[in-house]
Amino acid sequence: MKRNLNRMKQKSSNQLKDFLHKETRNIVDNTDAKVIIIGDLSAKLTASSEKGDKKIR
């Protein structure tokens, strides 16, 4: 029983990795950008009230 559960978890993990790889490959192949940045952007970290202000952390 435990062996089957581990096998199912491994298969699910492999399917997710495969999907993510295919999606990222699709993004890279279909863009003219020289740099692709992936991450979580916070409005507080990216916005400042005046030019030259330090970012809020």
N, C-alpha and C. Protein backbone atom coordinates (compact mmCIF):
# COMPACT_ATOMS: atom_id res chain seq x y z
N MET A 1 0.82 -1.19 0.00
CA MET A 1 0.00 0.00 0.00
C MET A 1 0.87 1.26 0.00
N LYS A 2 1.87 1.29 0.90
CA LYS A 2 2.75 2.45 0.98
C LYS A 2 3.57 2.59 -0.30
N ARG A 3 3.95 1.45 -0.87
CA ARG A 3 4.73 1.46 -2.11
C ARG A 3 3.92 2.09 -3.26
N ASN A 4 2.63 1.74 -3.33
CA ASN A 4 1.76 2.30 -4.37
C ASN A 4 1.60 3.80 -4.20
N LEU A 5 1.46 4.24 -2.95
CA LEU A 5 1.32 5.66 -2.66
C LEU A 5 2.57 6.42 -3.09
N ASN A 6 3.74 5.87 -2.77
CA ASN A 6 4.99 6.52 -3.17
C ASN A 6 5.12 6.58 -4.68
N ARG A 7 4.70 5.52 -5.36
CA ARG A 7 4.75 5.50 -6.83
C ARG A 7 3.81 6.56 -7.42
N MET A 8 2.62 6.70 -6.83
CA MET A 8 1.66 7.71 -7.31
C MET A 8 2.19 9.12 -7.09
N LYS A 9 2.82 9.36 -5.93
CA LYS A 9 3.40 10.68 -5.66
C LYS A 9 4.53 10.99 -6.62
N GLN A 10 5.36 9.99 -6.92
CA GLN A 10 6.47 10.18 -7.86
C GLN A 10 5.95 10.49 -9.26
N LYS A 11 4.91 9.78 -9.67
CA LYS A 11 4.33 10.01 -10.99
C LYS A 11 3.75 11.42 -11.08
N SER A 12 3.05 11.84 -10.04
CA SER A 12 2.47 13.18 -10.00
C SER A 12 3.57 14.25 -10.07
N SER A 13 4.64 14.03 -9.32
CA SER A 13 5.77 14.96 -9.32
C SER A 13 6.40 15.04 -10.72
N ASN A 14 6.57 13.90 -11.36
CA ASN A 14 7.15 13.88 -12.70
C ASN A 14 6.26 14.58 -13.72
N GLN A 15 4.95 14.41 -13.59
CA GLN A 15 4.02 15.07 -14.50
C GLN A 15 4.07 16.58 -14.34
N LEU A 16 4.16 17.05 -13.10
CA LEU A 16 4.25 18.48 -12.85
C LEU A 16 5.55 19.05 -13.41
N LYS A 17 6.66 18.37 -13.18
CA LYS A 17 7.96 18.82 -13.71
C LYS A 17 7.93 18.88 -15.24
N ASP A 18 7.33 17.86 -15.86
CA ASP A 18 7.24 17.81 -17.33
C ASP A 18 6.41 18.97 -17.85
N PHE A 19 5.27 19.23 -17.21
CA PHE A 19 4.41 20.33 -17.63
C PHE A 19 5.14 21.68 -17.51
N LEU A 20 5.78 21.90 -16.36
CA LEU A 20 6.50 23.16 -16.16
C LEU A 20 7.63 23.33 -17.16
N HIS A 21 8.34 22.25 -17.45
CA HIS A 21 9.42 22.32 -18.44
C HIS A 21 8.88 22.67 -19.82
N LYS A 22 7.77 22.07 -20.21
CA LYS A 22 7.18 22.35 -21.52
C LYS A 22 6.70 23.80 -21.60
N GLU A 23 6.09 24.30 -20.53
CA GLU A 23 5.61 25.69 -20.52
C GLU A 23 6.77 26.69 -20.59
N THR A 24 7.81 26.46 -19.80
CA THR A 24 8.95 27.40 -19.83
C THR A 24 9.67 27.33 -21.16
N ARG A 25 9.76 26.15 -21.75
CA ARG A 25 10.39 26.01 -23.07
C ARG A 25 9.57 26.78 -24.11
N ASN A 26 8.25 26.73 -24.00
CA ASN A 26 7.36 27.44 -24.90
C ASN A 26 7.55 28.95 -24.76
N ILE A 27 7.69 29.44 -23.54
CA ILE A 27 7.91 30.87 -23.31
C ILE A 27 9.23 31.30 -23.93
N VAL A 28 10.28 30.54 -23.71
CA VAL A 28 11.60 30.88 -24.24
C VAL A 28 11.60 30.87 -25.76
N ASP A 29 10.97 29.87 -26.34
CA ASP A 29 10.96 29.74 -27.80
C ASP A 29 10.14 30.82 -28.49
N ASN A 30 9.12 31.35 -27.82
CA ASN A 30 8.21 32.28 -28.45
C ASN A 30 8.38 33.73 -28.00
N THR A 31 9.56 34.08 -27.54
CA THR A 31 9.79 35.46 -27.12
C THR A 31 11.04 36.00 -27.78
N ASP A 32 11.05 37.30 -28.02
CA ASP A 32 12.22 37.96 -28.58
C ASP A 32 13.05 38.63 -27.50
N ALA A 33 12.63 38.51 -26.25
CA ALA A 33 13.34 39.15 -25.15
C ALA A 33 14.70 38.49 -24.94
N LYS A 34 15.66 39.30 -24.54
CA LYS A 34 16.98 38.76 -24.25
C LYS A 34 17.10 38.29 -22.81
N VAL A 35 16.22 38.81 -21.95
CA VAL A 35 16.24 38.44 -20.54
C VAL A 35 14.82 38.13 -20.09
N ILE A 36 14.66 37.04 -19.38
CA ILE A 36 13.37 36.68 -18.80
C ILE A 36 13.57 36.59 -17.29
N ILE A 37 12.78 37.35 -16.54
CA ILE A 37 12.89 37.36 -15.09
C ILE A 37 11.62 36.76 -14.52
N ILE A 38 11.79 35.79 -13.64
CA ILE A 38 10.66 35.11 -13.02
C ILE A 38 10.74 35.33 -11.53
N GLY A 39 9.63 35.76 -10.95
CA GLY A 39 9.61 35.95 -9.51
C GLY A 39 8.36 36.65 -9.07
N ASP A 40 8.24 36.85 -7.79
CA ASP A 40 7.10 37.52 -7.20
C ASP A 40 7.47 38.98 -6.96
N LEU A 41 6.84 39.89 -7.67
CA LEU A 41 7.13 41.31 -7.52
C LEU A 41 6.14 41.94 -6.57
N SER A 42 6.66 42.67 -5.62
CA SER A 42 5.82 43.36 -4.66
C SER A 42 5.70 44.83 -5.07
N ALA A 43 4.51 45.39 -5.01
CA ALA A 43 4.30 46.78 -5.39
C ALA A 43 5.10 47.71 -4.48
N LYS A 44 5.21 47.36 -3.20
CA LYS A 44 5.97 48.19 -2.26
C LYS A 44 7.45 48.24 -2.62
N LEU A 45 7.97 47.13 -3.09
CA LEU A 45 9.40 47.07 -3.42
C LEU A 45 9.71 47.74 -4.75
N THR A 46 8.78 47.77 -5.67
CA THR A 46 9.06 48.30 -6.99
C THR A 46 8.66 49.76 -7.15
N ALA A 47 7.81 50.28 -6.30
CA ALA A 47 7.32 51.65 -6.45
C ALA A 47 8.02 52.58 -5.46
N SER A 48 8.26 53.79 -5.92
CA SER A 48 8.76 54.82 -5.01
C SER A 48 8.03 56.12 -5.33
N SER A 49 7.89 56.98 -4.34
CA SER A 49 7.08 58.19 -4.53
C SER A 49 7.81 59.23 -5.40
N GLU A 50 9.11 59.34 -5.24
CA GLU A 50 9.87 60.30 -6.03
C GLU A 50 11.12 59.63 -6.58
N LYS A 51 11.63 60.17 -7.65
CA LYS A 51 12.84 59.63 -8.25
C LYS A 51 13.99 59.79 -7.24
N GLY A 52 14.74 58.73 -7.02
CA GLY A 52 15.85 58.78 -6.10
C GLY A 52 15.52 58.31 -4.70
N ASP A 53 14.23 58.10 -4.40
CA ASP A 53 13.84 57.61 -3.08
C ASP A 53 14.37 56.18 -2.91
N LYS A 54 14.68 55.85 -1.67
CA LYS A 54 15.08 54.47 -1.39
C LYS A 54 13.84 53.60 -1.35
N LYS A 55 14.01 52.38 -1.75
CA LYS A 55 12.89 51.44 -1.76
C LYS A 55 12.55 51.03 -0.33
N ILE A 56 11.27 50.80 -0.08
CA ILE A 56 10.79 50.34 1.22
C ILE A 56 10.98 48.83 1.29
N ARG A 57 11.53 48.32 2.37
CA ARG A 57 11.73 46.86 2.50
C ARG A 57 11.00 46.32 3.66
